[in-house]
Amino acid sequence: MALGGGASGGGSRRGRRGRRGPLTEINVTPLVDVMLVLLIIFMISAPLLTVGVPVELPKTEASAVETNNEPLSVSIDQQGAIFIGDSETAFDDLAVRLLTEAGGSDKASERPVFVRADGRAPYQAVARVMARLSASGFTKLNLITDTAPEA
């Protein structure tokens, strides 16, 4: 009996070792597969949703509207002399010359003006130029500076 009991006891131990407990980890592979398929479907269908109604536009003889929004450049050198482009101009003629180059007073607010002043130029000269430009109808004034090197 002891022999049979021992044999059956050994067999039951082997049976316990052969069994595994319930799997407690979640298998995420099917979830990843489904998400990748959905991602591909949305990537393919998204451009199709943004297409508008197909319209054939009428043909006209008018040319495209040309906008000349190139910036005007005003420079101030170390002594306070004012330059429009490359030519020197007097402070009193500054507004008239810039309005002429902008295409009139109605276009002055559309054209940006780049003010480039020497770092050693008198602050008063720069402030007067910017005030004159603002009073002349130029609303897009940009003070151009150089980037400082890393210290």
Protein backbone atom coordinates (compact mmCIF):
# COMPACT_ATOMS: atom_id res chain seq x y z
CA MET A 1 0.00 0.00 0.00
CA ALA A 2 2.68 2.32 0.84
CA LEU A 3 4.15 1.58 -2.49
CA GLY A 4 0.87 2.29 -4.27
CA GLY A 5 0.25 5.36 -2.15
CA GLY A 6 3.67 6.62 -2.98
CA ALA A 7 3.15 6.02 -6.66
CA SER A 8 -0.18 7.76 -6.68
CA GLY A 9 1.27 10.57 -4.65
CA GLY A 10 4.06 10.94 -7.17
CA GLY A 11 1.57 10.94 -10.00
CA SER A 12 -0.46 13.68 -8.40
CA ARG A 13 2.62 15.80 -8.00
CA ARG A 14 3.47 15.38 -11.63
CA GLY A 15 -0.08 16.43 -12.50
CA ARG A 16 0.29 19.61 -10.48
CA ARG A 17 3.53 20.50 -12.17
CA GLY A 18 2.03 19.93 -15.61
CA ARG A 19 -0.90 22.28 -14.94
CA ARG A 20 -0.40 25.96 -15.27
CA GLY A 21 -2.27 28.69 -13.43
CA PRO A 22 -4.56 31.12 -15.24
CA LEU A 23 -2.79 33.62 -17.54
CA THR A 24 -2.96 37.03 -15.86
CA GLU A 25 -1.34 39.14 -18.57
CA ILE A 26 -3.43 40.81 -21.27
CA ASN A 27 -2.44 40.05 -24.84
CA VAL A 28 -2.26 43.48 -26.55
CA THR A 29 -1.25 42.21 -30.00
CA PRO A 30 -4.84 42.10 -31.35
CA LEU A 31 -5.47 45.58 -29.97
CA VAL A 32 -2.37 46.94 -31.72
CA ASP A 33 -3.40 45.26 -34.97
CA VAL A 34 -6.86 46.81 -34.86
CA MET A 35 -5.46 50.27 -34.04
CA LEU A 36 -2.99 50.13 -36.93
CA VAL A 37 -5.75 49.13 -39.35
CA LEU A 38 -7.93 52.02 -38.13
CA LEU A 39 -5.00 54.42 -38.45
CA ILE A 40 -4.41 53.38 -42.05
CA ILE A 41 -8.11 53.69 -42.87
CA PHE A 42 -8.28 57.21 -41.44
CA MET A 43 -5.06 58.26 -43.17
CA ILE A 44 -6.44 57.15 -46.52
CA SER A 45 -9.95 58.56 -46.06
CA ALA A 46 -9.02 61.96 -44.51
CA PRO A 47 -7.82 63.59 -47.76
CA LEU A 48 -10.96 62.43 -49.53
CA LEU A 49 -13.14 64.23 -46.99
CA THR A 50 -11.46 67.62 -47.47
CA VAL A 51 -12.04 67.80 -51.21
CA GLY A 52 -14.62 70.46 -51.99
CA VAL A 53 -17.26 70.56 -54.63
CA PRO A 54 -15.70 70.28 -58.11
CA VAL A 55 -16.24 73.63 -59.80
CA GLU A 56 -15.05 74.83 -63.17
CA LEU A 57 -14.11 78.46 -62.75
CA PRO A 58 -15.11 80.94 -65.47
CA LYS A 59 -12.46 82.34 -67.79
CA THR A 60 -11.96 86.12 -67.84
CA GLU A 61 -9.67 88.48 -69.67
CA ALA A 62 -8.62 90.26 -66.49
CA SER A 63 -5.15 89.51 -65.22
CA ALA A 64 -4.39 88.39 -61.70
CA VAL A 65 -4.30 91.10 -59.08
CA GLU A 66 -0.71 91.99 -58.39
CA THR A 67 0.17 93.08 -54.91
CA ASN A 68 3.48 94.78 -54.46
CA ASN A 69 4.12 94.33 -50.77
CA GLU A 70 7.87 94.44 -51.00
CA PRO A 71 9.16 96.26 -47.96
CA LEU A 72 10.53 99.75 -48.26
CA SER A 73 13.91 100.22 -46.65
CA VAL A 74 14.92 103.32 -44.68
CA SER A 75 18.47 103.40 -43.31
CA ILE A 76 20.03 105.76 -40.78
CA ASP A 77 23.80 105.93 -40.61
CA GLN A 78 26.09 106.76 -37.68
CA GLN A 79 25.80 110.52 -38.18
CA GLY A 80 21.97 110.43 -38.46
CA ALA A 81 21.78 110.77 -42.27
CA ILE A 82 18.65 109.18 -43.76
CA PHE A 83 18.72 106.90 -46.81
CA ILE A 84 15.82 105.45 -48.80
CA GLY A 85 17.24 102.43 -50.53
CA ASP A 86 20.71 103.63 -51.52
CA SER A 87 20.00 107.33 -52.02
CA GLU A 88 20.29 109.91 -49.27
CA THR A 89 17.25 112.06 -48.53
CA ALA A 90 16.50 114.99 -46.28
CA PHE A 91 14.25 114.50 -43.26
CA ASP A 92 11.66 116.91 -44.69
CA ASP A 93 11.44 114.91 -47.95
CA LEU A 94 11.26 111.51 -46.24
CA ALA A 95 7.47 111.14 -46.16
CA VAL A 96 6.95 112.42 -49.72
CA ARG A 97 9.58 110.09 -51.21
CA LEU A 98 8.32 107.04 -49.33
CA LEU A 99 4.70 107.73 -50.29
CA THR A 100 5.81 108.02 -53.91
CA GLU A 101 7.64 104.70 -53.73
CA ALA A 102 4.70 103.05 -51.94
CA GLY A 103 2.32 104.07 -54.71
CA GLY A 104 0.29 106.74 -52.94
CA SER A 105 -1.10 107.44 -49.50
CA ASP A 106 -3.81 104.78 -49.82
CA LYS A 107 -1.15 102.06 -50.28
CA ALA A 108 1.05 103.35 -47.45
CA SER A 109 -0.65 101.23 -44.81
CA GLU A 110 -0.17 98.07 -46.91
CA ARG A 111 3.59 98.34 -47.47
CA PRO A 112 5.91 97.37 -44.63
CA VAL A 113 8.82 99.70 -43.91
CA PHE A 114 12.12 98.35 -42.62
CA VAL A 115 14.01 100.90 -40.54
CA ARG A 116 17.70 100.00 -40.34
CA ALA A 117 19.65 102.23 -38.00
CA ASP A 118 23.32 102.10 -37.08
CA GLY A 119 23.81 101.15 -33.44
CA ARG A 120 25.78 104.37 -32.90
CA ALA A 121 23.14 106.57 -34.57
CA PRO A 122 21.53 109.18 -32.32
CA TYR A 123 18.35 107.87 -30.73
CA GLN A 124 16.64 111.17 -31.57
CA ALA A 125 17.19 110.62 -35.32
CA VAL A 126 15.69 107.11 -35.20
CA ALA A 127 12.72 108.25 -33.12
CA ARG A 128 12.03 111.20 -35.44
CA VAL A 129 12.12 108.99 -38.55
CA MET A 130 9.75 106.45 -37.04
CA ALA A 131 7.38 109.17 -35.83
CA ARG A 132 7.36 110.82 -39.29
CA LEU A 133 6.64 107.49 -40.99
CA SER A 134 3.82 106.71 -38.58
CA ALA A 135 2.29 110.17 -39.08
CA SER A 136 2.52 109.70 -42.87
CA GLY A 137 0.25 106.64 -42.76
CA PHE A 138 2.78 103.82 -42.63
CA THR A 139 1.50 101.37 -40.04
CA LYS A 140 3.82 98.40 -40.61
CA LEU A 141 7.09 99.73 -39.23
CA ASN A 142 9.85 97.20 -38.51
CA LEU A 143 13.02 98.10 -36.67
CA ILE A 144 15.73 95.79 -38.03
CA THR A 145 18.37 94.55 -35.60
CA ASP A 146 21.18 92.03 -35.72
CA THR A 147 21.16 88.93 -33.55
CA ALA A 148 23.55 89.11 -30.62
CA PRO A 149 26.28 86.46 -30.46
CA GLU A 150 26.14 83.98 -27.60
CA ALA A 151 28.02 85.24 -24.56
